[in-house]
Amino acid sequence: MVNVLMLVAALLPAVLLGIYIWRRDPNPEPVRWILWAFFAGVGLCLPVAFAENYISGLIFAGGEPTTLFGTTVLAFFVAAIPEEAAKLLALWLVLRKCPYFDEHFDGIVYAAFVGLGFAAIENVFYVLGSGEGWASVAIMRALLAVPGHYAFAIIMGYYYSKYHFFDHSTKTAVKVLLVPVLAHGVYDSIAMSGSVDPVAGGLSFIVLVWFCIKLQKQARRRIAEMAAQK
């Protein structure tokens, strides 16, 4: 029974955010294509984890970072860049032959489901692996980590649609990956800082909450902007 509760707690945030963004779509996408995007995100998790372990071994020689600079390098080069690059690849694979990718809002929807698929499985690993403290881990990740992945995906989908439909500039093409990587890297840098600096750790939670609020406001603005496009 406990394992079932843990699994529900791990998956529920991604499911609720998925339902929310799907219902915001003026013309909702077919469920089979939404599921394809979601499971494309799910399929990323293990390959990305292997890639991250390999990159971490190269950079840190099998050890762990012991400075704020080290955790920042970890946040960007081991986590943010591989994860967001893999999500973009999955999004491109989903949309390259999708006959329903015909409206500005669609990029946001499909990117969100790719990101939420990845976040759901990542969350399962974290919650199921947290032992007796699983409930607190599930709550914190439901409030911060899963919405973080959702916001990164909204940003990626916004620029993907912007480039695809009406702005074919190099600047916008670069932003499709660069802006989510920056948001993700900053998020992880803040979150990881407490592992090497107790003083920074005491402040980082407050900063992280503030940053997550800003991320969600940014995501809502991107959603509203694309929903208004015709």
Protein backbone atom coordinates (compact mmCIF):
# COMPACT_ATOMS: atom_id res chain seq x y z
CA MET A 1 0.00 0.00 0.00
CA VAL A 2 2.83 2.39 0.87
CA ASN A 3 4.51 1.76 -2.50
CA VAL A 4 1.25 2.61 -4.28
CA LEU A 5 0.96 5.87 -2.33
CA MET A 6 4.58 6.71 -3.16
CA LEU A 7 3.97 6.06 -6.85
CA VAL A 8 0.80 8.19 -6.88
CA ALA A 9 2.57 11.00 -5.03
CA ALA A 10 5.42 10.90 -7.54
CA LEU A 11 3.23 10.90 -10.65
CA LEU A 12 0.34 13.14 -9.60
CA PRO A 13 2.09 16.54 -10.03
CA ALA A 14 3.03 15.78 -13.64
CA VAL A 15 -0.45 14.44 -14.41
CA LEU A 16 -2.18 17.54 -12.96
CA LEU A 17 0.10 19.95 -14.82
CA GLY A 18 -0.43 17.97 -18.01
CA ILE A 19 -4.20 18.19 -17.66
CA TYR A 20 -3.92 21.92 -16.96
CA ILE A 21 -1.88 22.76 -20.06
CA TRP A 22 -3.92 20.46 -22.30
CA ARG A 23 -7.15 22.19 -21.20
CA ARG A 24 -5.60 25.62 -21.85
CA ASP A 25 -5.19 24.70 -25.52
CA PRO A 26 -7.91 26.51 -27.54
CA ASN A 27 -8.09 23.42 -29.79
CA PRO A 28 -6.90 20.45 -27.70
CA GLU A 29 -4.47 18.06 -29.36
CA PRO A 30 -5.41 14.39 -29.96
CA VAL A 31 -4.76 12.27 -26.87
CA ARG A 32 -2.64 9.74 -28.79
CA TRP A 33 -0.19 12.47 -29.84
CA ILE A 34 -0.11 13.90 -26.33
CA LEU A 35 0.71 10.45 -24.98
CA TRP A 36 3.40 10.02 -27.63
CA ALA A 37 5.02 13.25 -26.43
CA PHE A 38 4.70 12.21 -22.78
CA PHE A 39 6.26 8.79 -23.32
CA ALA A 40 9.00 10.32 -25.47
CA GLY A 41 9.90 12.27 -22.34
CA VAL A 42 9.67 9.13 -20.22
CA GLY A 43 12.04 7.33 -22.58
CA LEU A 44 14.68 10.03 -22.13
CA CYS A 45 15.21 9.47 -18.44
CA LEU A 46 17.52 6.45 -18.36
CA PRO A 47 19.69 7.40 -21.38
CA VAL A 48 20.12 10.91 -19.97
CA ALA A 49 21.00 9.49 -16.55
CA PHE A 50 23.76 7.37 -18.11
CA ALA A 51 25.03 10.37 -20.08
CA GLU A 52 25.04 12.53 -16.95
CA ASN A 53 26.99 9.91 -14.97
CA TYR A 54 29.55 9.72 -17.77
CA ILE A 55 29.92 13.51 -18.02
CA SER A 56 30.15 13.85 -14.25
CA GLY A 57 32.92 11.24 -14.18
CA LEU A 58 34.87 13.15 -16.81
CA ILE A 59 34.55 16.49 -15.06
CA PHE A 60 34.83 15.46 -11.42
CA ALA A 61 36.90 12.24 -11.80
CA GLY A 62 34.36 10.16 -9.94
CA GLY A 63 34.10 12.55 -6.99
CA GLU A 64 31.58 15.19 -6.00
CA PRO A 65 31.93 18.98 -6.30
CA THR A 66 33.07 20.66 -3.09
CA THR A 67 32.71 24.35 -4.03
CA LEU A 68 29.94 26.62 -5.27
CA PHE A 69 31.77 26.85 -8.59
CA GLY A 70 31.78 23.05 -8.78
CA THR A 71 28.05 22.76 -8.09
CA THR A 72 27.40 25.41 -10.74
CA VAL A 73 29.41 23.42 -13.28
CA LEU A 74 27.48 20.32 -12.23
CA ALA A 75 24.17 22.15 -12.57
CA PHE A 76 24.85 23.36 -16.10
CA PHE A 77 27.09 20.78 -17.75
CA VAL A 78 25.90 17.59 -16.05
CA ALA A 79 22.20 18.38 -15.59
CA ALA A 80 20.80 21.32 -17.55
CA ILE A 81 22.55 20.96 -20.92
CA PRO A 82 22.12 17.16 -21.38
CA GLU A 83 18.52 17.16 -20.12
CA GLU A 84 17.29 20.13 -22.13
CA ALA A 85 19.14 19.00 -25.27
CA ALA A 86 17.52 15.56 -24.96
CA LYS A 87 14.08 17.11 -24.45
CA LEU A 88 14.55 19.26 -27.55
CA LEU A 89 15.55 16.20 -29.57
CA ALA A 90 12.46 14.35 -28.33
CA LEU A 91 10.24 17.35 -29.14
CA TRP A 92 11.65 17.53 -32.66
CA LEU A 93 11.10 13.78 -33.17
CA VAL A 94 7.48 14.13 -32.04
CA LEU A 95 6.66 17.20 -34.11
CA ARG A 96 8.59 16.61 -37.33
CA LYS A 97 5.77 14.48 -38.79
CA CYS A 98 2.89 15.58 -36.54
CA PRO A 99 -0.06 16.65 -38.71
CA TYR A 100 -1.63 18.45 -35.75
CA PHE A 101 1.26 20.84 -35.17
CA ASP A 102 -0.60 23.63 -36.94
CA GLU A 103 -1.24 26.30 -34.30
CA HIS A 104 1.04 28.55 -32.27
CA PHE A 105 -0.03 27.05 -28.94
CA ASP A 106 0.79 23.49 -30.02
CA GLY A 107 4.54 23.82 -29.47
CA ILE A 108 3.90 24.69 -25.83
CA VAL A 109 1.56 21.73 -25.35
CA TYR A 110 3.86 19.12 -26.88
CA ALA A 111 6.97 20.51 -25.17
CA ALA A 112 5.15 20.49 -21.85
CA PHE A 113 4.23 16.83 -22.20
CA VAL A 114 7.77 15.87 -23.17
CA GLY A 115 9.07 17.72 -20.11
CA LEU A 116 6.41 16.29 -17.83
CA GLY A 117 7.12 12.75 -19.03
CA PHE A 118 10.76 13.22 -18.10
CA ALA A 119 9.85 14.87 -14.77
CA ALA A 120 7.38 12.11 -13.87
CA ILE A 121 9.91 9.30 -14.17
CA GLU A 122 12.66 11.32 -12.52
CA ASN A 123 10.25 12.00 -9.67
CA VAL A 124 9.43 8.30 -9.31
CA PHE A 125 13.12 7.51 -8.87
CA TYR A 126 13.57 10.25 -6.27
CA VAL A 127 10.45 9.42 -4.25
CA LEU A 128 10.81 5.64 -4.32
CA GLY A 129 14.48 5.97 -3.40
CA SER A 130 13.95 8.32 -0.45
CA GLY A 131 12.98 5.69 2.13
CA GLU A 132 10.98 6.73 5.18
CA GLY A 133 11.21 10.41 4.30
CA TRP A 134 9.43 9.90 0.99
CA ALA A 135 6.43 12.10 1.87
CA SER A 136 8.50 15.23 2.47
CA VAL A 137 10.54 14.54 -0.68
CA ALA A 138 7.34 14.09 -2.69
CA ILE A 139 5.87 17.35 -1.37
CA MET A 140 9.00 19.40 -2.01
CA ARG A 141 9.44 18.04 -5.51
CA ALA A 142 5.75 18.55 -6.28
CA LEU A 143 6.11 22.22 -5.32
CA LEU A 144 9.51 22.91 -6.91
CA ALA A 145 11.16 20.30 -9.16
CA VAL A 146 8.20 19.12 -11.27
CA PRO A 147 6.84 22.66 -11.83
CA GLY A 148 10.42 23.61 -12.69
CA HIS A 149 10.59 21.04 -15.50
CA TYR A 150 7.15 22.18 -16.61
CA ALA A 151 8.30 25.82 -16.80
CA PHE A 152 11.49 24.92 -18.70
CA ALA A 153 9.33 23.02 -21.19
CA ILE A 154 6.86 25.88 -21.61
CA ILE A 155 9.76 28.21 -22.45
CA MET A 156 11.19 25.71 -24.93
CA GLY A 157 7.82 25.17 -26.58
CA TYR A 158 7.23 28.90 -26.82
CA TYR A 159 10.44 29.53 -28.75
CA TYR A 160 9.99 26.35 -30.81
CA SER A 161 6.57 27.55 -32.01
CA LYS A 162 7.79 31.11 -32.46
CA TYR A 163 10.59 29.92 -34.73
CA HIS A 164 8.42 27.41 -36.60
CA PHE A 165 5.50 29.72 -37.34
CA PHE A 166 6.65 33.32 -37.66
CA ASP A 167 10.18 34.20 -36.55
CA HIS A 168 12.87 32.26 -38.41
CA SER A 169 15.76 34.30 -37.05
CA THR A 170 18.95 32.71 -35.76
CA LYS A 171 18.39 34.48 -32.44
CA THR A 172 15.08 32.72 -31.89
CA ALA A 173 16.51 29.37 -33.02
CA VAL A 174 19.28 29.67 -30.42
CA LYS A 175 16.78 30.60 -27.70
CA VAL A 176 14.86 27.34 -28.22
CA LEU A 177 17.64 25.58 -26.30
CA LEU A 178 19.59 28.37 -24.65
CA VAL A 179 16.81 29.91 -22.53
CA PRO A 180 15.59 26.58 -21.03
CA VAL A 181 19.23 25.60 -20.32
CA LEU A 182 19.84 28.91 -18.52
CA ALA A 183 16.64 28.59 -16.48
CA HIS A 184 17.39 24.96 -15.62
CA GLY A 185 21.03 25.67 -14.81
CA VAL A 186 20.22 28.56 -12.50
CA TYR A 187 17.54 26.48 -10.76
CA ASP A 188 19.93 23.58 -10.14
CA SER A 189 22.79 25.88 -9.13
CA ILE A 190 20.63 27.39 -6.40
CA ALA A 191 19.27 24.01 -5.31
CA MET A 192 22.72 22.38 -5.14
CA SER A 193 24.51 25.22 -3.36
CA GLY A 194 23.51 24.00 0.08
CA SER A 195 25.38 20.74 -0.40
CA VAL A 196 28.77 22.49 -0.20
CA ASP A 197 28.07 25.67 1.76
CA PRO A 198 25.83 25.59 4.86
CA VAL A 199 25.45 29.37 4.87
CA ALA A 200 24.46 29.40 1.21
CA GLY A 201 22.16 26.48 1.93
CA GLY A 202 20.27 28.48 4.51
CA LEU A 203 19.58 31.23 1.99
CA SER A 204 19.24 29.10 -1.13
CA PHE A 205 15.82 27.72 -0.26
CA ILE A 206 14.33 31.21 -0.05
CA VAL A 207 16.03 32.21 -3.30
CA LEU A 208 14.89 28.97 -4.93
CA VAL A 209 11.25 29.58 -3.99
CA TRP A 210 11.50 33.14 -5.34
CA PHE A 211 13.09 31.88 -8.56
CA CYS A 212 10.39 29.22 -9.00
CA ILE A 213 7.66 31.84 -8.58
CA LYS A 214 9.35 33.98 -11.25
CA LEU A 215 9.61 30.92 -13.53
CA GLN A 216 5.91 30.18 -13.22
CA LYS A 217 5.01 33.80 -13.94
CA GLN A 218 7.21 33.65 -17.03
CA ALA A 219 5.54 30.41 -18.10
CA ARG A 220 2.07 31.93 -17.69
CA ARG A 221 3.07 34.93 -19.81
CA ARG A 222 4.36 32.65 -22.57
CA ILE A 223 1.17 30.59 -22.43
CA ALA A 224 -1.03 33.70 -22.66
CA GLU A 225 1.03 35.13 -25.53
CA MET A 226 0.81 31.99 -27.64
CA ALA A 227 -2.87 31.43 -26.82
CA ALA A 228 -3.55 34.91 -28.24
CA GLN A 229 -1.74 34.17 -31.52
CA LYS A 230 -3.93 33.36 -34.52
